[in-house]
Amino acid sequence: MQKITEIKEYYTVNRREKVDGEVRFVPKTKMRYKEVPYVSGWARFGHFMLDRVFFIIFTLLFYVTLGLILGLTNNAHLIEDLHLEDYEIFYNWLILHPLFYFIFELSLQGSPAKALLGRVVVDEYGNKPTVKQFFIRSISRSVPFEPFSCFSETGWHDNWSGTFVIRKKDLAELRLLQKINDIGAPDQGEQKDDSN
C-alpha cells in the first residue's frame, strides 16, 4: 500500500510549443505529490485544551473509583502508603496522563477531543496505528513543553511515533486517491512538477 505522503496527483496544463512552425498550446500531463492536509497549529492546541477538561474528569473518576475500591476492601491505608496526596502531580503527569491518551487513542483512534471534532490518528499509510505507536505517542506526552510542539505541522508525539492527525473526511479522500494510484495513472507525457 502507498504512503499518504506519496500519493500522486495528475493534472493537465497547456504549454506553448512550436509544432510544424506554428506556436500552439499542447496539453501536457504533469504529476505532483498530494499535499497531506494534517491538522496542525491552533487546531491541535485546541485539542490539547479540550482534552485537559476530559483529563480532569478522567482523573476525578479514577481517584473516586480507587477510593471506593480501597474503602470497600478495607485498604484505605494504601492511600497514605502510596503518598498519593504528596505525589499527586507525579502520578497524574507520569502515569495517568499517558494512560488517559493510551486508552482513548487505542479505542477511539484519537483522544476525546479529536473524536468529538471528527479527527483521527493514522500511521504513514492512513491506517490505524499499532499498539506500540499509540504507546509511544502516549508516553511522549509526558515530556515537558511537548504540547507546544503542536504549533508546528506535527507534534513531537507524532514525529516520535510515526503518526499523523487528520480529519476523517480528508482521510476518506486520501484513501480514494490511494486506490486510484494503485490502479494506475496516466503515462502519456507525464512530467514531474518541480514547482512544489
N, C-alpha and C. Protein backbone atom coordinates (compact mmCIF):
# COMPACT_ATOMS: atom_id res chain seq x y z
N MET A 1 0.84 -1.18 0.00
CA MET A 1 0.00 0.00 0.00
C MET A 1 0.89 1.24 0.00
N GLN A 2 0.37 2.28 -0.57
CA GLN A 2 1.10 3.52 -0.74
C GLN A 2 1.00 4.43 0.49
N LYS A 3 2.09 5.09 0.83
CA LYS A 3 2.08 6.04 1.95
C LYS A 3 1.24 7.25 1.57
N ILE A 4 0.59 7.86 2.57
CA ILE A 4 -0.25 9.03 2.27
C ILE A 4 0.59 10.24 1.86
N THR A 5 1.88 10.20 2.18
CA THR A 5 2.76 11.30 1.77
C THR A 5 3.30 11.10 0.36
N GLU A 6 2.99 9.96 -0.27
CA GLU A 6 3.49 9.65 -1.61
C GLU A 6 2.37 9.48 -2.63
N ILE A 7 1.20 10.02 -2.34
CA ILE A 7 0.07 9.92 -3.27
C ILE A 7 0.30 10.91 -4.40
N LYS A 8 0.22 10.40 -5.61
CA LYS A 8 0.47 11.24 -6.78
C LYS A 8 -0.84 11.85 -7.29
N GLU A 9 -0.73 13.08 -7.74
CA GLU A 9 -1.86 13.77 -8.38
C GLU A 9 -1.43 14.09 -9.81
N TYR A 10 -2.32 13.87 -10.73
CA TYR A 10 -2.04 14.19 -12.12
C TYR A 10 -2.95 15.32 -12.56
N TYR A 11 -2.41 16.23 -13.33
CA TYR A 11 -3.19 17.35 -13.84
C TYR A 11 -2.63 17.73 -15.20
N THR A 12 -3.44 18.44 -15.96
CA THR A 12 -3.06 18.81 -17.32
C THR A 12 -2.85 20.32 -17.40
N VAL A 13 -1.78 20.70 -18.08
CA VAL A 13 -1.50 22.10 -18.34
C VAL A 13 -1.31 22.27 -19.84
N ASN A 14 -1.66 23.42 -20.34
CA ASN A 14 -1.44 23.73 -21.76
C ASN A 14 -0.14 24.51 -21.88
N ARG A 15 0.80 23.96 -22.64
CA ARG A 15 2.10 24.60 -22.81
C ARG A 15 2.23 25.09 -24.24
N ARG A 16 2.83 26.24 -24.36
CA ARG A 16 3.09 26.78 -25.70
C ARG A 16 4.28 26.07 -26.29
N GLU A 17 4.09 25.50 -27.45
CA GLU A 17 5.18 24.82 -28.14
C GLU A 17 5.07 25.11 -29.64
N LYS A 18 6.21 25.04 -30.29
CA LYS A 18 6.20 25.18 -31.75
C LYS A 18 5.94 23.81 -32.35
N VAL A 19 4.86 23.73 -33.11
CA VAL A 19 4.53 22.48 -33.79
C VAL A 19 4.39 22.81 -35.27
N ASP A 20 5.22 22.19 -36.11
CA ASP A 20 5.20 22.44 -37.56
C ASP A 20 5.33 23.92 -37.87
N GLY A 21 6.20 24.62 -37.15
CA GLY A 21 6.44 26.02 -37.40
C GLY A 21 5.44 26.97 -36.79
N GLU A 22 4.39 26.45 -36.18
CA GLU A 22 3.38 27.31 -35.55
C GLU A 22 3.43 27.15 -34.04
N VAL A 23 3.11 28.23 -33.34
CA VAL A 23 3.03 28.16 -31.89
C VAL A 23 1.62 27.72 -31.53
N ARG A 24 1.57 26.61 -30.79
CA ARG A 24 0.28 26.05 -30.37
C ARG A 24 0.32 25.74 -28.88
N PHE A 25 -0.88 25.62 -28.31
CA PHE A 25 -0.98 25.16 -26.93
C PHE A 25 -1.15 23.64 -26.95
N VAL A 26 -0.20 22.96 -26.35
CA VAL A 26 -0.21 21.49 -26.34
C VAL A 26 -0.46 21.03 -24.90
N PRO A 27 -1.48 20.15 -24.71
CA PRO A 27 -1.74 19.67 -23.34
C PRO A 27 -0.65 18.71 -22.87
N LYS A 28 -0.19 18.93 -21.67
CA LYS A 28 0.82 18.06 -21.04
C LYS A 28 0.32 17.60 -19.69
N THR A 29 0.48 16.32 -19.43
CA THR A 29 0.09 15.77 -18.13
C THR A 29 1.28 15.87 -17.20
N LYS A 30 1.04 16.45 -16.02
CA LYS A 30 2.11 16.61 -15.04
C LYS A 30 1.72 15.87 -13.76
N MET A 31 2.70 15.57 -12.95
CA MET A 31 2.48 14.86 -11.70
C MET A 31 3.09 15.65 -10.55
N ARG A 32 2.38 15.63 -9.42
CA ARG A 32 2.92 16.20 -8.19
C ARG A 32 2.42 15.32 -7.04
N TYR A 33 3.10 15.41 -5.90
CA TYR A 33 2.65 14.67 -4.73
C TYR A 33 1.56 15.47 -4.03
N LYS A 34 0.50 14.78 -3.66
CA LYS A 34 -0.63 15.42 -2.98
C LYS A 34 -0.16 15.91 -1.63
N GLU A 35 -0.52 17.15 -1.33
CA GLU A 35 -0.19 17.70 -0.01
C GLU A 35 -1.13 17.08 1.01
N VAL A 36 -0.57 16.52 2.06
CA VAL A 36 -1.38 15.88 3.10
C VAL A 36 -1.93 16.97 4.02
N PRO A 37 -3.25 17.02 4.16
CA PRO A 37 -3.86 18.08 4.99
C PRO A 37 -3.86 17.73 6.47
N TYR A 38 -2.67 17.76 7.08
CA TYR A 38 -2.56 17.48 8.51
C TYR A 38 -3.34 18.52 9.31
N VAL A 39 -3.85 18.09 10.44
CA VAL A 39 -4.42 19.06 11.39
C VAL A 39 -3.23 19.59 12.17
N SER A 40 -3.07 20.91 12.18
CA SER A 40 -1.88 21.48 12.84
C SER A 40 -2.20 22.81 13.50
N GLY A 41 -1.21 23.36 14.15
CA GLY A 41 -1.30 24.70 14.73
C GLY A 41 -2.34 24.86 15.82
N TRP A 42 -3.15 25.92 15.69
CA TRP A 42 -4.12 26.26 16.72
C TRP A 42 -5.17 25.17 16.90
N ALA A 43 -5.51 24.46 15.82
CA ALA A 43 -6.49 23.38 15.96
C ALA A 43 -5.94 22.29 16.89
N ARG A 44 -4.66 21.97 16.75
CA ARG A 44 -4.04 20.96 17.61
C ARG A 44 -3.99 21.46 19.06
N PHE A 45 -3.67 22.73 19.24
CA PHE A 45 -3.64 23.28 20.59
C PHE A 45 -5.05 23.27 21.19
N GLY A 46 -6.05 23.49 20.35
CA GLY A 46 -7.45 23.39 20.78
C GLY A 46 -7.78 21.99 21.26
N HIS A 47 -7.28 20.97 20.56
CA HIS A 47 -7.46 19.58 21.01
C HIS A 47 -6.89 19.43 22.42
N PHE A 48 -5.68 19.96 22.59
CA PHE A 48 -5.00 19.83 23.89
C PHE A 48 -5.82 20.47 25.00
N MET A 49 -6.33 21.67 24.76
CA MET A 49 -7.09 22.38 25.79
C MET A 49 -8.40 21.65 26.12
N LEU A 50 -9.09 21.17 25.10
CA LEU A 50 -10.33 20.41 25.33
C LEU A 50 -10.04 19.09 26.03
N ASP A 51 -8.95 18.46 25.65
CA ASP A 51 -8.57 17.20 26.32
C ASP A 51 -8.19 17.42 27.78
N ARG A 52 -7.73 18.62 28.13
CA ARG A 52 -7.44 18.91 29.54
C ARG A 52 -8.71 18.77 30.37
N VAL A 53 -9.84 19.24 29.83
CA VAL A 53 -11.12 19.12 30.53
C VAL A 53 -11.47 17.64 30.69
N PHE A 54 -11.33 16.87 29.61
CA PHE A 54 -11.62 15.44 29.68
C PHE A 54 -10.67 14.73 30.63
N PHE A 55 -9.40 15.17 30.67
CA PHE A 55 -8.43 14.55 31.57
C PHE A 55 -8.78 14.81 33.03
N ILE A 56 -9.25 16.00 33.35
CA ILE A 56 -9.66 16.32 34.73
C ILE A 56 -10.80 15.40 35.14
N ILE A 57 -11.76 15.20 34.25
CA ILE A 57 -12.88 14.30 34.54
C ILE A 57 -12.38 12.87 34.71
N PHE A 58 -11.48 12.43 33.82
CA PHE A 58 -10.89 11.10 33.89
C PHE A 58 -10.16 10.90 35.22
N THR A 59 -9.36 11.89 35.61
CA THR A 59 -8.60 11.81 36.86
C THR A 59 -9.52 11.75 38.07
N LEU A 60 -10.54 12.58 38.06
CA LEU A 60 -11.52 12.59 39.15
C LEU A 60 -12.19 11.23 39.28
N LEU A 61 -12.64 10.67 38.15
CA LEU A 61 -13.27 9.34 38.18
C LEU A 61 -12.31 8.26 38.64
N PHE A 62 -11.04 8.38 38.23
CA PHE A 62 -10.04 7.39 38.63
C PHE A 62 -9.85 7.40 40.15
N TYR A 63 -9.68 8.60 40.73
CA TYR A 63 -9.44 8.68 42.17
C TYR A 63 -10.69 8.31 42.97
N VAL A 64 -11.86 8.66 42.49
CA VAL A 64 -13.10 8.26 43.19
C VAL A 64 -13.24 6.75 43.16
N THR A 65 -13.00 6.15 42.01
CA THR A 65 -13.09 4.68 41.89
C THR A 65 -12.04 4.01 42.77
N LEU A 66 -10.82 4.52 42.74
CA LEU A 66 -9.76 3.96 43.58
C LEU A 66 -10.11 4.07 45.06
N GLY A 67 -10.64 5.23 45.46
CA GLY A 67 -11.05 5.42 46.86
C GLY A 67 -12.16 4.47 47.26
N LEU A 68 -13.14 4.26 46.38
CA LEU A 68 -14.23 3.33 46.67
C LEU A 68 -13.74 1.90 46.80
N ILE A 69 -12.87 1.50 45.88
CA ILE A 69 -12.34 0.13 45.91
C ILE A 69 -11.52 -0.08 47.18
N LEU A 70 -10.63 0.86 47.50
CA LEU A 70 -9.81 0.71 48.70
C LEU A 70 -10.65 0.80 49.97
N GLY A 71 -11.68 1.65 49.95
CA GLY A 71 -12.56 1.77 51.12
C GLY A 71 -13.38 0.52 51.34
N LEU A 72 -13.90 -0.05 50.27
CA LEU A 72 -14.74 -1.25 50.37
C LEU A 72 -13.92 -2.48 50.74
N THR A 73 -12.64 -2.49 50.41
CA THR A 73 -11.79 -3.64 50.74
C THR A 73 -10.97 -3.41 52.00
N ASN A 74 -11.33 -2.35 52.74
CA ASN A 74 -10.62 -2.01 53.98
C ASN A 74 -9.13 -1.81 53.78
N ASN A 75 -8.76 -1.22 52.65
CA ASN A 75 -7.35 -0.95 52.35
C ASN A 75 -7.09 0.55 52.18
N ALA A 76 -7.89 1.38 52.81
CA ALA A 76 -7.75 2.84 52.69
C ALA A 76 -6.37 3.32 53.11
N HIS A 77 -5.69 2.56 53.96
CA HIS A 77 -4.34 2.94 54.40
C HIS A 77 -3.35 2.98 53.24
N LEU A 78 -3.67 2.30 52.13
CA LEU A 78 -2.77 2.30 50.98
C LEU A 78 -2.61 3.70 50.38
N ILE A 79 -3.64 4.53 50.52
CA ILE A 79 -3.55 5.90 50.01
C ILE A 79 -2.41 6.63 50.71
N GLU A 80 -2.30 6.42 52.02
CA GLU A 80 -1.20 7.04 52.76
C GLU A 80 0.13 6.36 52.42
N ASP A 81 0.11 5.02 52.27
CA ASP A 81 1.34 4.30 51.94
C ASP A 81 1.89 4.72 50.58
N LEU A 82 1.03 4.97 49.62
CA LEU A 82 1.46 5.37 48.28
C LEU A 82 1.77 6.87 48.17
N HIS A 83 1.45 7.61 49.23
CA HIS A 83 1.67 9.06 49.27
C HIS A 83 0.99 9.75 48.09
N LEU A 84 -0.24 9.32 47.80
CA LEU A 84 -0.98 9.89 46.67
C LEU A 84 -1.14 11.40 46.79
N GLU A 85 -1.37 11.87 47.98
CA GLU A 85 -1.56 13.31 48.15
C GLU A 85 -0.26 14.07 47.95
N ASP A 86 0.86 13.51 48.40
CA ASP A 86 2.16 14.18 48.28
C ASP A 86 2.68 14.18 46.85
N TYR A 87 2.42 13.11 46.14
CA TYR A 87 2.97 12.95 44.79
C TYR A 87 1.89 12.97 43.71
N GLU A 88 0.82 13.71 43.97
CA GLU A 88 -0.31 13.74 43.04
C GLU A 88 0.11 14.22 41.65
N ILE A 89 0.95 15.24 41.57
CA ILE A 89 1.39 15.75 40.27
C ILE A 89 2.21 14.68 39.54
N PHE A 90 3.08 14.00 40.30
CA PHE A 90 3.89 12.92 39.70
C PHE A 90 2.99 11.82 39.14
N TYR A 91 2.06 11.33 39.93
CA TYR A 91 1.16 10.27 39.47
C TYR A 91 0.31 10.73 38.29
N ASN A 92 -0.21 11.94 38.38
CA ASN A 92 -1.07 12.44 37.31
C ASN A 92 -0.31 12.61 36.00
N TRP A 93 0.87 13.23 36.05
CA TRP A 93 1.59 13.57 34.83
C TRP A 93 2.31 12.37 34.22
N LEU A 94 2.92 11.53 35.05
CA LEU A 94 3.72 10.43 34.50
C LEU A 94 2.97 9.11 34.36
N ILE A 95 1.83 8.98 35.03
CA ILE A 95 1.09 7.72 34.94
C ILE A 95 -0.29 7.93 34.33
N LEU A 96 -1.11 8.77 34.96
CA LEU A 96 -2.48 8.94 34.48
C LEU A 96 -2.57 9.67 33.14
N HIS A 97 -1.72 10.67 32.94
CA HIS A 97 -1.75 11.42 31.68
C HIS A 97 -1.47 10.53 30.48
N PRO A 98 -0.36 9.74 30.46
CA PRO A 98 -0.15 8.82 29.34
C PRO A 98 -1.23 7.74 29.26
N LEU A 99 -1.70 7.26 30.41
CA LEU A 99 -2.74 6.24 30.43
C LEU A 99 -4.03 6.75 29.79
N PHE A 100 -4.40 7.99 30.09
CA PHE A 100 -5.58 8.62 29.51
C PHE A 100 -5.50 8.60 27.99
N TYR A 101 -4.38 9.09 27.44
CA TYR A 101 -4.24 9.13 25.99
C TYR A 101 -4.17 7.72 25.38
N PHE A 102 -3.45 6.82 26.05
CA PHE A 102 -3.32 5.46 25.51
C PHE A 102 -4.68 4.78 25.42
N ILE A 103 -5.47 4.85 26.47
CA ILE A 103 -6.79 4.19 26.47
C ILE A 103 -7.68 4.75 25.38
N PHE A 104 -7.78 6.07 25.32
CA PHE A 104 -8.70 6.68 24.35
C PHE A 104 -8.20 6.58 22.91
N GLU A 105 -6.91 6.80 22.69
CA GLU A 105 -6.43 6.75 21.31
C GLU A 105 -6.44 5.32 20.78
N LEU A 106 -6.18 4.36 21.63
CA LEU A 106 -6.23 2.96 21.19
C LEU A 106 -7.66 2.54 20.86
N SER A 107 -8.61 2.98 21.66
CA SER A 107 -10.01 2.57 21.44
C SER A 107 -10.74 3.43 20.42
N LEU A 108 -10.49 4.75 20.39
CA LEU A 108 -11.22 5.66 19.50
C LEU A 108 -10.40 6.13 18.30
N GLN A 109 -9.13 5.75 18.24
CA GLN A 109 -8.18 6.22 17.24
C GLN A 109 -7.99 7.72 17.34
N GLY A 110 -8.16 8.24 18.54
CA GLY A 110 -7.95 9.65 18.81
C GLY A 110 -8.37 9.95 20.23
N SER A 111 -7.91 11.07 20.74
CA SER A 111 -8.32 11.49 22.08
C SER A 111 -9.79 11.89 22.05
N PRO A 112 -10.42 12.08 23.21
CA PRO A 112 -11.84 12.50 23.21
C PRO A 112 -12.08 13.77 22.39
N ALA A 113 -11.19 14.75 22.48
CA ALA A 113 -11.37 15.99 21.71
C ALA A 113 -11.30 15.71 20.21
N LYS A 114 -10.35 14.89 19.79
CA LYS A 114 -10.24 14.55 18.37
C LYS A 114 -11.48 13.81 17.89
N ALA A 115 -11.94 12.86 18.68
CA ALA A 115 -13.14 12.10 18.31
C ALA A 115 -14.35 13.03 18.20
N LEU A 116 -14.46 13.95 19.13
CA LEU A 116 -15.57 14.90 19.13
C LEU A 116 -15.54 15.82 17.90
N LEU A 117 -14.34 16.17 17.44
CA LEU A 117 -14.18 17.10 16.32
C LEU A 117 -13.98 16.41 14.97
N GLY A 118 -14.10 15.07 14.94
CA GLY A 118 -14.01 14.35 13.67
C GLY A 118 -12.61 14.21 13.12
N ARG A 119 -11.64 14.03 14.01
CA ARG A 119 -10.25 13.84 13.59
C ARG A 119 -9.74 12.51 14.11
N VAL A 120 -8.81 11.91 13.40
CA VAL A 120 -8.27 10.61 13.79
C VAL A 120 -6.75 10.62 13.70
N VAL A 121 -6.15 9.66 14.40
CA VAL A 121 -4.71 9.45 14.35
C VAL A 121 -4.48 8.30 13.37
N VAL A 122 -3.56 8.51 12.43
CA VAL A 122 -3.25 7.48 11.43
C VAL A 122 -1.75 7.29 11.32
N ASP A 123 -1.36 6.16 10.77
CA ASP A 123 0.06 5.94 10.50
C ASP A 123 0.38 6.48 9.11
N GLU A 124 1.58 6.24 8.62
CA GLU A 124 2.00 6.81 7.35
C GLU A 124 1.25 6.26 6.14
N TYR A 125 0.50 5.17 6.34
CA TYR A 125 -0.30 4.60 5.25
C TYR A 125 -1.77 4.97 5.36
N GLY A 126 -2.14 5.74 6.38
CA GLY A 126 -3.53 6.12 6.57
C GLY A 126 -4.32 5.10 7.36
N ASN A 127 -3.64 4.13 7.96
CA ASN A 127 -4.29 3.09 8.74
C ASN A 127 -4.23 3.41 10.23
N LYS A 128 -4.98 2.63 11.01
CA LYS A 128 -4.91 2.78 12.46
C LYS A 128 -3.51 2.38 12.92
N PRO A 129 -2.85 3.23 13.72
CA PRO A 129 -1.51 2.89 14.20
C PRO A 129 -1.50 1.63 15.07
N THR A 130 -0.31 1.09 15.25
CA THR A 130 -0.15 -0.11 16.07
C THR A 130 -0.22 0.26 17.55
N VAL A 131 -0.34 -0.76 18.39
CA VAL A 131 -0.35 -0.54 19.84
C VAL A 131 0.95 0.14 20.27
N LYS A 132 2.07 -0.29 19.68
CA LYS A 132 3.38 0.30 20.00
C LYS A 132 3.39 1.80 19.66
N GLN A 133 2.84 2.17 18.50
CA GLN A 133 2.81 3.58 18.11
C GLN A 133 1.94 4.40 19.07
N PHE A 134 0.79 3.84 19.47
CA PHE A 134 -0.06 4.54 20.43
C PHE A 134 0.65 4.67 21.78
N PHE A 135 1.39 3.64 22.17
CA PHE A 135 2.13 3.68 23.43
C PHE A 135 3.19 4.79 23.39
N ILE A 136 3.94 4.86 22.30
CA ILE A 136 4.98 5.89 22.16
C ILE A 136 4.35 7.28 22.17
N ARG A 137 3.23 7.45 21.45
CA ARG A 137 2.51 8.74 21.46
C ARG A 137 2.14 9.14 22.87
N SER A 138 1.62 8.17 23.62
CA SER A 138 1.13 8.45 24.97
C SER A 138 2.26 8.80 25.93
N ILE A 139 3.33 8.04 25.90
CA ILE A 139 4.48 8.29 26.78
C ILE A 139 5.13 9.63 26.43
N SER A 140 5.17 9.96 25.15
CA SER A 140 5.80 11.20 24.69
C SER A 140 5.14 12.44 25.28
N ARG A 141 3.89 12.33 25.63
CA ARG A 141 3.15 13.49 26.13
C ARG A 141 3.61 13.92 27.53
N SER A 142 4.44 13.11 28.18
CA SER A 142 4.96 13.46 29.50
C SER A 142 6.20 14.35 29.41
N VAL A 143 6.71 14.55 28.21
CA VAL A 143 7.88 15.40 28.02
C VAL A 143 7.48 16.86 28.28
N PRO A 144 8.23 17.57 29.12
CA PRO A 144 7.89 18.97 29.39
C PRO A 144 7.84 19.81 28.10
N PHE A 145 6.90 20.70 28.04
CA PHE A 145 6.67 21.61 26.91
C PHE A 145 6.25 20.91 25.62
N GLU A 146 5.98 19.62 25.67
CA GLU A 146 5.58 18.88 24.47
C GLU A 146 4.30 19.44 23.84
N PRO A 147 3.30 19.87 24.63
CA PRO A 147 2.08 20.40 23.99
C PRO A 147 2.35 21.57 23.05
N PHE A 148 3.39 22.35 23.30
CA PHE A 148 3.68 23.50 22.44
C PHE A 148 4.27 23.09 21.09
N SER A 149 4.72 21.82 20.98
CA SER A 149 5.24 21.34 19.70
C SER A 149 4.13 21.23 18.66
N CYS A 150 2.89 21.25 19.10
CA CYS A 150 1.76 21.12 18.18
C CYS A 150 1.53 22.38 17.35
N PHE A 151 2.23 23.45 17.67
CA PHE A 151 2.09 24.65 16.83
C PHE A 151 2.80 24.49 15.50
N SER A 152 3.63 23.44 15.38
CA SER A 152 4.23 23.14 14.08
C SER A 152 3.26 22.21 13.33
N GLU A 153 3.66 21.72 12.18
CA GLU A 153 2.77 20.87 11.38
C GLU A 153 2.44 19.58 12.12
N THR A 154 3.42 19.01 12.79
CA THR A 154 3.18 17.81 13.59
C THR A 154 3.85 18.00 14.95
N GLY A 155 3.29 17.37 15.98
CA GLY A 155 3.85 17.47 17.32
C GLY A 155 4.96 16.45 17.52
N TRP A 156 5.69 16.62 18.61
CA TRP A 156 6.77 15.67 18.91
C TRP A 156 6.20 14.26 19.03
N HIS A 157 5.05 14.12 19.69
CA HIS A 157 4.48 12.78 19.86
C HIS A 157 4.11 12.16 18.52
N ASP A 158 3.83 12.99 17.50
CA ASP A 158 3.57 12.47 16.15
C ASP A 158 4.89 12.02 15.51
N ASN A 159 5.88 12.88 15.57
CA ASN A 159 7.17 12.56 14.95
C ASN A 159 7.80 11.31 15.56
N TRP A 160 7.77 11.22 16.88
CA TRP A 160 8.43 10.10 17.55
C TRP A 160 7.69 8.77 17.35
N SER A 161 6.40 8.84 17.06
CA SER A 161 5.63 7.59 16.88
C SER A 161 5.32 7.30 15.42
N GLY A 162 5.66 8.20 14.51
CA GLY A 162 5.37 7.98 13.09
C GLY A 162 3.88 8.04 12.78
N THR A 163 3.19 8.99 13.41
CA THR A 163 1.74 9.11 13.22
C THR A 163 1.38 10.53 12.80
N PHE A 164 0.13 10.70 12.37
CA PHE A 164 -0.38 11.99 11.94
C PHE A 164 -1.80 12.16 12.45
N VAL A 165 -2.23 13.40 12.61
CA VAL A 165 -3.63 13.69 12.93
C VAL A 165 -4.24 14.30 11.68
N ILE A 166 -5.39 13.76 11.28
CA ILE A 166 -6.03 14.18 10.05
C ILE A 166 -7.54 14.15 10.22
N ARG A 167 -8.25 14.99 9.50
CA ARG A 167 -9.71 14.97 9.57
C ARG A 167 -10.22 13.73 8.86
N LYS A 168 -11.33 13.17 9.36
CA LYS A 168 -11.87 11.94 8.78
C LYS A 168 -12.23 12.11 7.31
N LYS A 169 -12.80 13.26 6.95
CA LYS A 169 -13.20 13.46 5.55
C LYS A 169 -11.97 13.57 4.65
N ASP A 170 -10.87 14.15 5.15
CA ASP A 170 -9.64 14.21 4.36
C ASP A 170 -9.02 12.82 4.22
N LEU A 171 -9.14 12.01 5.26
CA LEU A 171 -8.63 10.64 5.20
C LEU A 171 -9.39 9.84 4.15
N ALA A 172 -10.70 10.02 4.07
CA ALA A 172 -11.50 9.31 3.06
C ALA A 172 -11.04 9.69 1.66
N GLU A 173 -10.75 10.97 1.44
CA GLU A 173 -10.28 11.42 0.14
C GLU A 173 -8.90 10.82 -0.18
N LEU A 174 -8.02 10.80 0.82
CA LEU A 174 -6.68 10.23 0.61
C LEU A 174 -6.75 8.74 0.29
N ARG A 175 -7.66 8.03 0.94
CA ARG A 175 -7.81 6.59 0.67
C ARG A 175 -8.31 6.36 -0.76
N LEU A 176 -9.21 7.21 -1.21
CA LEU A 176 -9.70 7.11 -2.58
C LEU A 176 -8.55 7.36 -3.56
N LEU A 177 -7.74 8.37 -3.28
CA LEU A 177 -6.59 8.64 -4.15
C LEU A 177 -5.56 7.51 -4.11
N GLN A 178 -5.41 6.86 -2.95
CA GLN A 178 -4.52 5.70 -2.87
C GLN A 178 -5.01 4.60 -3.81
N LYS A 179 -6.32 4.35 -3.81
CA LYS A 179 -6.88 3.32 -4.69
C LYS A 179 -6.68 3.68 -6.16
N ILE A 180 -6.89 4.94 -6.47
CA ILE A 180 -6.69 5.38 -7.86
C ILE A 180 -5.23 5.20 -8.25
N ASN A 181 -4.31 5.54 -7.36
CA ASN A 181 -2.88 5.38 -7.64
C ASN A 181 -2.50 3.92 -7.78
N ASP A 182 -3.16 3.04 -6.99
CA ASP A 182 -2.88 1.60 -7.08
C ASP A 182 -3.34 1.03 -8.42
N ILE A 183 -4.46 1.56 -8.94
CA ILE A 183 -4.99 1.08 -10.22
C ILE A 183 -4.06 1.47 -11.35
N GLY A 184 -3.55 2.67 -11.27
CA GLY A 184 -2.65 3.15 -12.31
C GLY A 184 -2.95 4.58 -12.65
N ALA A 185 -2.02 5.20 -13.27
CA ALA A 185 -2.16 6.61 -13.60
C ALA A 185 -1.73 6.83 -15.03
N PRO A 186 -2.07 7.95 -15.60
CA PRO A 186 -1.69 8.22 -16.98
C PRO A 186 -0.18 8.22 -17.15
N ASP A 187 0.28 7.68 -18.27
CA ASP A 187 1.71 7.68 -18.50
C ASP A 187 2.06 8.46 -19.76
N GLN A 188 1.09 9.14 -20.33
CA GLN A 188 1.31 9.90 -21.56
C GLN A 188 2.01 11.22 -21.27
N GLY A 189 3.23 11.32 -21.62
CA GLY A 189 3.96 12.58 -21.48
C GLY A 189 4.01 13.09 -20.05
N GLU A 190 4.01 12.17 -19.10
CA GLU A 190 3.98 12.57 -17.69
C GLU A 190 5.26 13.26 -17.30
N GLN A 191 5.15 14.37 -16.62
CA GLN A 191 6.31 15.10 -16.12
C GLN A 191 6.08 15.43 -14.66
N LYS A 192 7.15 15.38 -13.91
CA LYS A 192 7.03 15.75 -12.50
C LYS A 192 7.01 17.26 -12.38
N ASP A 193 6.13 17.75 -11.52
CA ASP A 193 6.03 19.18 -11.28
C ASP A 193 7.09 19.59 -10.29
N ASP A 194 8.05 20.36 -10.72
CA ASP A 194 9.14 20.78 -9.84
C ASP A 194 8.83 22.08 -9.10
N SER A 195 7.65 22.64 -9.38
CA SER A 195 7.31 23.92 -8.74
C SER A 195 6.91 23.77 -7.30
N ASN A 196 6.56 22.57 -6.84
CA ASN A 196 6.11 22.35 -5.44
C ASN A 196 7.21 21.84 -4.60
